[in-house]
Amino acid sequence: MNRESEPATSHLNRRRFLAATGLVGATGALQALMSNTAAAAGPGRGERSIRAAANGGYGALQPAPPHGDLLLPAGFSYVAFGETGSTMRDGLATPSRHDGMAAFAGEDGTVRLIRNHEQSNGFAFAQPSYDSFGAGGTTTLVFDPAGMRLVESFATLAGTVRNCAGGPTPHGSWLSCEETFTGLDQSNPHGYVFEVPVDAEGPVEPVPYPAMGRFTHEAVAVDPATGIVYETEDRGSAGFYRFVPENPAELSAGGRLQMLAIAGQPRYDTRNGQQPGQALPVEWVDIADPDPDSDDSLAVFYQGREQGAAVFARLEGAWFGDGSVFINSTSGGDAGLGQVWQYRPDGDSGGELLLVYESTDPELLESPDNLCVSPNSGGLVLCEDGGGSDMLRGVTPGGEIFDFAALNNSNTSELAGATFSPDGNVLFFNVQSPGVTYAVTGPWGAGAL
């Protein structure tokens, strides 16, 4: 989730009507975007889009209660909690650089959030730690949605590096990914996936999963039907991977790491020259050495490329929904502004890959990063990580893209970790710096999320 600093640009008043197709669910929303890519840029689009989209049915953004720190549609409110430096239950100070996150059902109606901290070198903030000089890891937060308040928080993973994103598993755990390959010393290599159980009450024993690959990880998405874990890689030349576990309920037992290739088109380059909607048949090639003893961060990537695997540009967010995996290529596309891809599995060895949207205008979409699917409607929430003031963007089941939330200040830090409570009543997200978590609630049924 790195980005270079750019001049601030206004992301407000960017409501565009992309389609009104009547399609439903996340797949429908993205297919609507796909089929309307060209139409979205036509003359006079702005006025029509505001009338038609009505901001996803929610209306204009405005300073929200209680303090106006967020811009949200009317009827929505928020609470802020889990700030960097605040004291946790274990007496430790909350780490900084809040990033990827997922929400799980807790006891007595509570919600458990497991939150990444994308810190690098320094000192481990808790013990036991994987690397005493690794400052990254996770914290767990117990939130009471009835009272909209934080109950407690505590450290659950320590000594790792650059924990950027990850993903929830169907077996009650969070997979936290290191967005790095560089070890701080020879005895503790980095670039792994670590697992944190939802019911952990303190720092877990940090155990890397080398079979899932050592590379610049970003996010994962798990197919609940098969247990296959799909993994993204955040670098300019990136692969899209899958881990086929020996035992889906016990990822530590090992499995096979594979990299996506386009059947009949070896070394396919998805980064430019793509046609939205074209179905590309997929095959998977095995990675013989997923945990290379190498100083080359591309060691795993090269293994796949030698067998004809495809290349992407900075794969970041990943989410499973409607039987598909949706992934964001933050800098993909001819304009370098981002692509949204959909992988549809078909059996153990195939499936198809579709480019469902590619941005050609930074005012339309810039640098999509994290994403999640709303359990209420199947609509999408996208976290932008572009220049200037980033926003949470919504995509309606009918294919309209709209602004849902923004910071009401000059902070241009990225927004990350968007995730809904299991019942869909609360949307949580993070502001990475100075580090705070927000919980947003309101009349979800009035609009597209």
Protein backbone atom coordinates (compact mmCIF):
# COMPACT_ATOMS: atom_id res chain seq x y z
CA MET A 1 0.00 0.00 0.00
CA ASN A 2 2.83 2.36 -0.71
CA ARG A 3 2.28 5.46 -2.77
CA GLU A 4 4.18 8.56 -3.70
CA SER A 5 2.99 11.92 -2.41
CA GLU A 6 1.01 13.92 -4.96
CA PRO A 7 -0.74 17.29 -4.90
CA ALA A 8 -4.13 17.16 -3.21
CA THR A 9 -7.14 17.00 -5.52
CA SER A 10 -10.79 17.17 -4.66
CA HIS A 11 -12.55 13.82 -4.66
CA LEU A 12 -15.92 15.24 -3.64
CA ASN A 13 -18.76 15.81 -6.06
CA ARG A 14 -17.57 12.94 -8.28
CA ARG A 15 -20.80 10.97 -8.47
CA ARG A 16 -21.02 9.21 -11.78
CA PHE A 17 -23.86 7.08 -13.12
CA LEU A 18 -22.21 4.18 -14.91
CA ALA A 19 -25.16 1.91 -15.55
CA ALA A 20 -28.67 0.94 -14.55
CA THR A 21 -28.87 -2.61 -15.74
CA GLY A 22 -30.93 -4.28 -13.04
CA LEU A 23 -28.12 -6.75 -12.36
CA VAL A 24 -27.81 -7.77 -8.74
CA GLY A 25 -24.94 -8.79 -6.49
CA ALA A 26 -21.24 -8.03 -6.66
CA THR A 27 -20.86 -9.80 -10.00
CA GLY A 28 -23.67 -7.73 -11.46
CA ALA A 29 -22.21 -4.50 -10.16
CA LEU A 30 -18.85 -5.15 -11.74
CA GLN A 31 -20.32 -6.42 -15.00
CA ALA A 32 -22.30 -3.20 -15.20
CA LEU A 33 -19.10 -1.24 -14.75
CA MET A 34 -17.43 -3.39 -17.37
CA SER A 35 -20.13 -2.83 -19.96
CA ASN A 36 -20.22 0.91 -19.43
CA THR A 37 -16.53 1.81 -19.37
CA ALA A 38 -16.66 3.85 -22.55
CA ALA A 39 -20.06 5.40 -21.90
CA ALA A 40 -18.96 6.68 -18.51
CA ALA A 41 -16.67 9.31 -20.04
CA GLY A 42 -19.14 11.01 -22.38
CA PRO A 43 -19.84 14.77 -22.53
CA GLY A 44 -22.34 16.09 -20.02
CA ARG A 45 -21.89 13.02 -17.86
CA GLY A 46 -21.57 14.91 -14.58
CA GLU A 47 -25.05 16.46 -14.42
CA ARG A 48 -26.79 13.25 -15.47
CA SER A 49 -24.77 11.19 -13.05
CA ILE A 50 -25.72 13.29 -10.03
CA ARG A 51 -29.42 13.06 -10.88
CA ALA A 52 -29.37 9.35 -11.66
CA ALA A 53 -27.03 7.98 -9.03
CA ALA A 54 -28.22 10.16 -6.11
CA ASN A 55 -25.01 9.03 -4.47
CA GLY A 56 -26.01 5.39 -4.38
CA GLY A 57 -29.44 6.33 -3.09
CA TYR A 58 -28.04 7.96 0.05
CA GLY A 59 -27.83 11.58 -1.03
CA ALA A 60 -25.03 14.11 -0.72
CA LEU A 61 -22.18 13.81 1.74
CA GLN A 62 -22.18 16.18 4.70
CA PRO A 63 -20.42 16.54 8.05
CA ALA A 64 -21.65 13.62 10.13
CA PRO A 65 -22.40 13.44 13.84
CA PRO A 66 -21.08 13.50 16.42
CA HIS A 67 -18.16 15.79 15.56
CA GLY A 68 -18.11 16.21 11.78
CA ASP A 69 -14.75 14.48 11.34
CA LEU A 70 -16.25 12.36 8.54
CA LEU A 71 -18.36 13.32 5.56
CA LEU A 72 -21.20 10.81 5.24
CA PRO A 73 -24.72 10.76 3.77
CA ALA A 74 -27.56 12.11 5.90
CA GLY A 75 -28.69 9.72 8.63
CA PHE A 76 -25.27 8.13 9.09
CA SER A 77 -23.08 8.60 12.14
CA TYR A 78 -19.76 7.29 13.33
CA VAL A 79 -17.56 6.61 16.31
CA ALA A 80 -13.76 6.72 16.36
CA PHE A 81 -11.67 4.35 18.48
CA GLY A 82 -8.46 2.36 18.65
CA GLU A 83 -6.24 5.39 18.07
CA THR A 84 -2.47 5.06 17.84
CA GLY A 85 -0.96 5.42 21.28
CA SER A 86 -4.13 4.59 23.22
CA THR A 87 -3.62 2.08 26.02
CA MET A 88 -4.89 -1.43 25.35
CA ARG A 89 -6.14 -4.02 27.86
CA ASP A 90 -2.65 -5.52 28.13
CA GLY A 91 -1.14 -2.15 29.07
CA LEU A 92 0.56 -1.75 25.71
CA ALA A 93 0.22 1.30 23.51
CA THR A 94 -1.77 0.78 20.31
CA PRO A 95 0.66 0.52 17.38
CA SER A 96 0.43 2.87 14.40
CA ARG A 97 -0.20 2.46 10.66
CA HIS A 98 -3.61 0.76 10.82
CA ASP A 99 -4.26 -1.22 7.65
CA GLY A 100 -6.13 -4.36 6.55
CA MET A 101 -8.88 -5.67 8.81
CA ALA A 102 -11.77 -8.11 9.06
CA ALA A 103 -14.81 -8.38 11.35
CA PHE A 104 -16.03 -11.55 13.03
CA ALA A 105 -18.97 -12.42 15.29
CA GLY A 106 -17.98 -12.34 18.95
CA GLU A 107 -19.65 -13.33 22.20
CA ASP A 108 -22.78 -11.65 23.54
CA GLY A 109 -23.45 -9.76 20.32
CA THR A 110 -20.01 -8.19 20.11
CA VAL A 111 -17.89 -7.91 16.97
CA ARG A 112 -14.24 -8.91 16.95
CA LEU A 113 -11.97 -6.95 14.64
CA ILE A 114 -8.49 -8.17 13.78
CA ARG A 115 -6.45 -5.24 12.49
CA ASN A 116 -3.07 -5.15 10.78
CA HIS A 117 -0.33 -2.63 11.54
CA GLU A 118 1.95 -1.92 8.59
CA GLN A 119 5.00 -1.03 10.65
CA SER A 120 8.48 -2.01 9.53
CA ASN A 121 11.67 -2.23 11.56
CA GLY A 122 12.05 -1.07 15.13
CA PHE A 123 11.09 -3.29 18.04
CA ALA A 124 8.35 -5.85 18.49
CA PHE A 125 5.47 -4.28 20.39
CA ALA A 126 4.54 -7.49 22.24
CA GLN A 127 5.86 -10.93 23.14
CA PRO A 128 6.17 -13.61 21.94
CA SER A 129 7.45 -12.14 18.70
CA TYR A 130 8.65 -13.62 15.43
CA ASP A 131 11.49 -11.10 15.13
CA SER A 132 12.44 -8.80 18.00
CA PHE A 133 13.20 -6.07 15.46
CA GLY A 134 9.92 -6.43 13.54
CA ALA A 135 7.51 -3.65 14.50
CA GLY A 136 4.47 -4.93 12.61
CA GLY A 137 1.69 -7.29 13.65
CA THR A 138 -1.98 -7.30 14.59
CA THR A 139 -4.27 -6.11 17.34
CA THR A 140 -7.70 -7.49 18.17
CA LEU A 141 -10.53 -5.15 19.12
CA VAL A 142 -13.81 -6.15 20.77
CA PHE A 143 -16.59 -3.78 19.73
CA ASP A 144 -20.12 -3.49 21.10
CA PRO A 145 -22.42 -2.52 18.18
CA ALA A 146 -25.41 -2.00 20.48
CA GLY A 147 -23.62 0.75 22.36
CA MET A 148 -21.32 1.67 19.43
CA ARG A 149 -18.30 1.53 21.68
CA LEU A 150 -14.96 -0.21 22.01
CA VAL A 151 -14.97 -2.78 24.81
CA GLU A 152 -11.27 -3.66 24.78
CA SER A 153 -8.27 -4.19 22.54
CA PHE A 154 -5.03 -6.16 22.85
CA ALA A 155 -2.04 -7.36 20.84
CA THR A 156 -2.38 -10.68 19.00
CA LEU A 157 0.63 -10.92 16.63
CA ALA A 158 4.05 -9.30 16.98
CA GLY A 159 7.50 -9.24 15.45
CA THR A 160 6.41 -9.26 11.83
CA VAL A 161 7.06 -6.60 9.17
CA ARG A 162 4.78 -4.47 7.00
CA ASN A 163 1.53 -6.30 7.77
CA CYS A 164 -0.45 -4.65 5.03
CA ALA A 165 -3.57 -6.65 4.22
CA GLY A 166 -4.70 -10.24 4.55
CA GLY A 167 -8.09 -11.89 4.73
CA PRO A 168 -10.54 -13.83 6.90
CA THR A 169 -10.86 -17.61 6.70
CA PRO A 170 -14.07 -19.65 7.01
CA HIS A 171 -12.53 -21.35 10.06
CA GLY A 172 -12.44 -18.37 12.39
CA SER A 173 -9.06 -16.79 11.76
CA TRP A 174 -7.32 -13.90 10.08
CA LEU A 175 -4.41 -14.38 7.68
CA SER A 176 -1.98 -11.49 8.09
CA CYS A 177 0.39 -10.90 5.18
CA GLU A 178 3.85 -9.33 5.16
CA GLU A 179 4.27 -6.86 2.31
CA THR A 180 8.01 -7.36 2.18
CA PHE A 181 10.66 -9.88 1.29
CA THR A 182 13.61 -8.38 3.12
CA GLY A 183 14.62 -9.92 6.43
CA LEU A 184 16.04 -7.75 9.18
CA ASP A 185 18.60 -10.45 9.91
CA GLN A 186 19.50 -13.83 8.45
CA SER A 187 17.80 -15.81 11.22
CA ASN A 188 14.36 -14.33 10.59
CA PRO A 189 13.46 -14.07 6.91
CA HIS A 190 10.25 -12.19 6.09
CA GLY A 191 7.66 -12.22 3.35
CA TYR A 192 5.26 -14.74 4.86
CA VAL A 193 1.63 -15.28 5.84
CA PHE A 194 0.77 -15.66 9.54
CA GLU A 195 -2.52 -16.86 11.07
CA VAL A 196 -4.31 -15.28 14.03
CA PRO A 197 -7.34 -17.11 15.52
CA VAL A 198 -10.37 -14.94 16.18
CA ASP A 199 -10.60 -16.21 19.76
CA ALA A 200 -6.97 -15.39 20.63
CA GLU A 201 -6.83 -13.46 23.92
CA GLY A 202 -3.24 -12.32 23.58
CA PRO A 203 -0.19 -12.59 21.35
CA VAL A 204 -0.15 -15.91 19.49
CA GLU A 205 2.98 -17.89 18.82
CA PRO A 206 3.97 -16.37 15.44
CA VAL A 207 4.38 -19.20 12.95
CA PRO A 208 5.06 -18.39 9.28
CA TYR A 209 3.45 -20.53 6.59
CA PRO A 210 6.29 -21.02 4.09
CA ALA A 211 4.21 -23.28 1.83
CA MET A 212 2.01 -20.25 1.08
CA GLY A 213 5.00 -18.53 -0.44
CA ARG A 214 7.66 -16.03 0.47
CA PHE A 215 7.12 -12.89 -1.57
CA THR A 216 5.73 -9.36 -1.29
CA HIS A 217 2.29 -10.36 -0.05
CA GLU A 218 -0.73 -8.06 0.03
CA ALA A 219 -4.14 -9.70 0.51
CA VAL A 220 -5.83 -13.09 0.47
CA ALA A 221 -9.34 -14.33 -0.27
CA VAL A 222 -10.53 -17.80 0.70
CA ASP A 223 -13.07 -19.81 -1.28
CA PRO A 224 -15.28 -21.29 1.47
CA ALA A 225 -16.37 -24.17 -0.77
CA THR A 226 -12.88 -25.47 -1.51
CA GLY A 227 -10.65 -23.85 1.10
CA ILE A 228 -8.33 -22.59 -1.64
CA VAL A 229 -6.54 -19.40 -0.59
CA TYR A 230 -6.00 -16.81 -3.34
CA GLU A 231 -3.08 -14.45 -2.80
CA THR A 232 -2.08 -11.11 -4.32
CA GLU A 233 1.42 -9.67 -4.74
CA ASP A 234 2.08 -5.95 -4.44
CA ARG A 235 4.84 -4.97 -6.83
CA GLY A 236 5.08 -3.53 -10.35
CA SER A 237 5.54 -7.00 -11.83
CA ALA A 238 3.20 -9.17 -9.78
CA GLY A 239 1.66 -12.59 -9.88
CA PHE A 240 -1.74 -13.86 -8.78
CA TYR A 241 -1.35 -17.03 -6.73
CA ARG A 242 -3.42 -19.71 -5.11
CA PHE A 243 -2.58 -22.03 -2.25
CA VAL A 244 -4.29 -25.42 -2.40
CA PRO A 245 -4.11 -26.72 1.19
CA GLU A 246 -3.73 -30.32 2.21
CA ASN A 247 -6.31 -29.61 4.93
CA PRO A 248 -8.40 -26.45 4.49
CA ALA A 249 -9.08 -26.33 8.24
CA GLU A 250 -5.36 -26.55 9.06
CA LEU A 251 -3.33 -24.36 6.71
CA SER A 252 -0.17 -25.09 8.66
CA ALA A 253 -0.30 -28.66 7.30
CA GLY A 254 0.99 -27.40 3.95
CA GLY A 255 -0.19 -27.59 0.39
CA ARG A 256 0.66 -26.49 -3.15
CA LEU A 257 1.42 -22.94 -4.28
CA GLN A 258 0.45 -22.13 -7.85
CA MET A 259 0.48 -19.06 -10.09
CA LEU A 260 -2.17 -18.05 -12.61
CA ALA A 261 -1.44 -18.33 -16.33
CA ILE A 262 -3.64 -17.63 -19.35
CA ALA A 263 -4.22 -20.83 -21.30
CA GLY A 264 -2.58 -20.75 -24.72
CA GLN A 265 -1.00 -17.33 -24.13
CA PRO A 266 2.21 -17.83 -22.14
CA ARG A 267 3.57 -14.89 -20.16
CA TYR A 268 0.42 -12.89 -20.73
CA ASP A 269 0.73 -9.23 -19.70
CA THR A 270 -2.47 -7.88 -18.11
CA ARG A 271 -1.04 -4.45 -17.34
CA ASN A 272 -2.11 -2.70 -20.54
CA GLY A 273 -3.86 -3.24 -23.83
CA GLN A 274 -6.77 -5.11 -22.22
CA GLN A 275 -10.38 -5.36 -23.35
CA PRO A 276 -13.00 -5.23 -20.57
CA GLY A 277 -15.34 -8.21 -20.64
CA GLN A 278 -13.08 -10.55 -22.57
CA ALA A 279 -13.05 -13.92 -20.82
CA LEU A 280 -9.51 -15.30 -20.57
CA PRO A 281 -9.30 -19.03 -19.88
CA VAL A 282 -7.05 -19.79 -16.92
CA GLU A 283 -4.67 -22.54 -15.93
CA TRP A 284 -2.42 -22.82 -12.89
CA VAL A 285 1.30 -23.64 -12.84
CA ASP A 286 3.06 -25.11 -9.82
CA ILE A 287 5.68 -23.20 -7.86
CA ALA A 288 8.32 -25.81 -7.04
CA ASP A 289 10.08 -23.76 -4.36
CA PRO A 290 7.59 -21.46 -2.59
CA ASP A 291 10.11 -20.58 0.14
CA PRO A 292 13.32 -19.80 -1.73
CA ASP A 293 16.60 -19.26 0.09
CA SER A 294 17.33 -16.16 -1.94
CA ASP A 295 17.86 -12.42 -1.66
CA ASP A 296 15.80 -11.87 -4.81
CA SER A 297 12.25 -10.74 -4.02
CA LEU A 298 11.16 -12.01 -7.45
CA ALA A 299 12.39 -15.56 -6.87
CA VAL A 300 8.87 -16.99 -6.61
CA PHE A 301 7.52 -14.78 -9.39
CA TYR A 302 10.26 -15.89 -11.80
CA GLN A 303 9.45 -19.55 -11.19
CA GLY A 304 5.93 -18.95 -12.42
CA ARG A 305 6.97 -16.75 -15.35
CA GLU A 306 9.34 -19.40 -16.61
CA GLN A 307 6.32 -21.67 -16.93
CA GLY A 308 4.27 -19.03 -18.73
CA ALA A 309 2.39 -17.39 -15.84
CA ALA A 310 0.71 -14.00 -16.31
CA VAL A 311 1.95 -10.67 -14.95
CA PHE A 312 -0.13 -7.98 -13.23
CA ALA A 313 0.60 -4.47 -11.96
CA ARG A 314 0.53 -4.14 -8.15
CA LEU A 315 -2.18 -6.52 -7.08
CA GLU A 316 -3.63 -5.35 -3.77
CA GLY A 317 -7.16 -5.87 -2.42
CA ALA A 318 -8.86 -9.26 -2.71
CA TRP A 319 -12.33 -10.44 -1.66
CA PHE A 320 -14.40 -13.54 -2.30
CA GLY A 321 -18.06 -13.05 -3.23
CA ASP A 322 -20.72 -14.47 -5.54
CA GLY A 323 -18.52 -17.46 -6.28
CA SER A 324 -15.68 -15.29 -7.60
CA VAL A 325 -12.50 -13.64 -6.41
CA PHE A 326 -12.32 -9.89 -7.03
CA ILE A 327 -8.88 -8.29 -7.05
CA ASN A 328 -7.63 -4.75 -7.55
CA SER A 329 -4.61 -3.88 -9.67
CA THR A 330 -3.78 -0.52 -8.15
CA SER A 331 -1.62 0.79 -11.01
CA GLY A 332 -2.81 -1.39 -13.88
CA GLY A 333 -4.30 -0.19 -17.14
CA ASP A 334 -3.20 1.98 -20.04
CA ALA A 335 -3.50 5.10 -17.89
CA GLY A 336 -1.95 3.43 -14.84
CA LEU A 337 -4.99 4.39 -12.75
CA GLY A 338 -6.17 0.94 -11.76
CA GLN A 339 -8.04 -2.16 -12.84
CA VAL A 340 -10.62 -4.40 -11.18
CA TRP A 341 -10.35 -8.07 -12.12
CA GLN A 342 -12.65 -11.01 -11.49
CA TYR A 343 -11.52 -14.63 -11.36
CA ARG A 344 -14.25 -17.24 -11.71
CA PRO A 345 -13.06 -20.67 -10.54
CA ASP A 346 -14.23 -23.72 -12.46
CA GLY A 347 -13.13 -26.95 -10.91
CA ASP A 348 -9.64 -27.58 -9.63
CA SER A 349 -7.59 -26.49 -12.61
CA GLY A 350 -9.45 -23.92 -14.68
CA GLY A 351 -11.78 -20.99 -14.65
CA GLU A 352 -11.65 -17.64 -16.37
CA LEU A 353 -10.28 -14.18 -15.74
CA LEU A 354 -12.17 -11.02 -16.73
CA LEU A 355 -11.20 -7.37 -16.66
CA VAL A 356 -14.37 -5.87 -15.30
CA TYR A 357 -13.21 -2.27 -15.06
CA GLU A 358 -10.23 -0.14 -16.02
CA SER A 359 -10.05 3.51 -15.06
CA THR A 360 -9.12 6.05 -17.70
CA ASP A 361 -9.89 9.13 -15.61
CA PRO A 362 -8.57 9.87 -12.10
CA GLU A 363 -11.83 11.65 -11.35
CA LEU A 364 -13.67 8.41 -12.05
CA LEU A 365 -11.47 6.05 -10.04
CA GLU A 366 -7.87 6.31 -8.94
CA SER A 367 -5.72 3.55 -7.49
CA PRO A 368 -8.27 1.10 -6.05
CA ASP A 369 -6.78 -0.77 -3.10
CA ASN A 370 -8.76 -2.67 -0.45
CA LEU A 371 -12.27 -3.82 -1.30
CA CYS A 372 -15.08 -5.73 0.35
CA VAL A 373 -18.57 -6.94 -0.53
CA SER A 374 -21.58 -5.69 1.40
CA PRO A 375 -23.52 -8.53 3.10
CA ASN A 376 -26.64 -6.40 2.76
CA SER A 377 -26.83 -5.98 -0.99
CA GLY A 378 -23.83 -7.48 -2.74
CA GLY A 379 -22.62 -3.97 -3.56
CA LEU A 380 -18.94 -3.17 -3.23
CA VAL A 381 -16.91 -0.85 -1.06
CA LEU A 382 -13.61 0.29 -2.59
CA CYS A 383 -10.80 2.05 -0.75
CA GLU A 384 -8.91 4.44 -2.98
CA ASP A 385 -5.17 4.92 -2.43
CA GLY A 386 -4.41 7.65 -4.93
CA GLY A 387 -3.16 11.19 -4.76
CA GLY A 388 -4.77 13.75 -2.54
CA SER A 389 -7.81 13.05 -0.37
CA ASP A 390 -8.84 9.42 -0.68
CA MET A 391 -12.37 8.17 -0.22
CA LEU A 392 -14.48 5.12 0.39
CA ARG A 393 -16.32 4.52 -2.84
CA GLY A 394 -19.42 2.41 -3.30
CA VAL A 395 -20.53 0.39 -6.31
CA THR A 396 -24.26 -0.33 -6.45
CA PRO A 397 -25.68 -3.69 -7.56
CA GLY A 398 -26.87 -1.81 -10.67
CA GLY A 399 -23.39 -0.59 -11.54
CA GLU A 400 -23.31 2.98 -10.18
CA ILE A 401 -20.10 4.15 -8.58
CA PHE A 402 -20.42 6.79 -5.89
CA ASP A 403 -18.72 8.49 -2.96
CA PHE A 404 -19.71 7.15 0.44
CA ALA A 405 -17.24 8.50 3.01
CA ALA A 406 -14.40 10.99 3.23
CA LEU A 407 -12.33 12.70 5.89
CA ASN A 408 -13.54 16.22 6.65
CA ASN A 409 -10.03 17.60 7.09
CA SER A 410 -6.75 18.01 5.24
CA ASN A 411 -5.45 14.53 6.11
CA THR A 412 -4.46 12.73 2.90
CA SER A 413 -3.53 9.45 4.58
CA GLU A 414 -4.87 6.35 2.90
CA LEU A 415 -8.11 4.70 3.96
CA ALA A 416 -7.90 0.96 4.45
CA GLY A 417 -9.43 -2.16 5.93
CA ALA A 418 -13.08 -1.60 4.98
CA THR A 419 -15.17 -4.47 6.37
CA PHE A 420 -18.77 -4.93 7.47
CA SER A 421 -19.94 -6.49 10.70
CA PRO A 422 -21.37 -9.97 10.05
CA ASP A 423 -24.94 -8.64 10.24
CA GLY A 424 -24.19 -5.79 7.85
CA ASN A 425 -25.20 -3.06 10.32
CA VAL A 426 -21.78 -1.48 10.84
CA LEU A 427 -19.05 -0.60 8.36
CA PHE A 428 -15.57 -0.40 9.86
CA PHE A 429 -12.52 1.17 8.23
CA ASN A 430 -9.12 2.58 9.14
CA VAL A 431 -7.23 5.79 8.53
CA GLN A 432 -3.62 4.70 8.41
CA SER A 433 -1.98 7.80 9.82
CA PRO A 434 -2.04 8.98 12.53
CA GLY A 435 -4.00 5.75 13.02
CA VAL A 436 -7.67 5.47 13.94
CA THR A 437 -10.55 3.06 13.32
CA TYR A 438 -14.05 4.25 12.47
CA ALA A 439 -17.38 2.46 12.84
CA VAL A 440 -20.17 3.83 10.64
CA THR A 441 -23.84 3.03 11.02
CA GLY A 442 -27.04 4.36 9.50
CA PRO A 443 -29.88 3.61 7.06
CA TRP A 444 -28.11 1.09 4.85
CA GLY A 445 -31.41 -0.03 3.32
CA ALA A 446 -32.01 3.45 1.90
CA GLY A 447 -29.29 2.92 -0.67
CA ALA A 448 -27.02 0.48 -2.39
CA LEU A 449 -24.92 -0.85 0.46
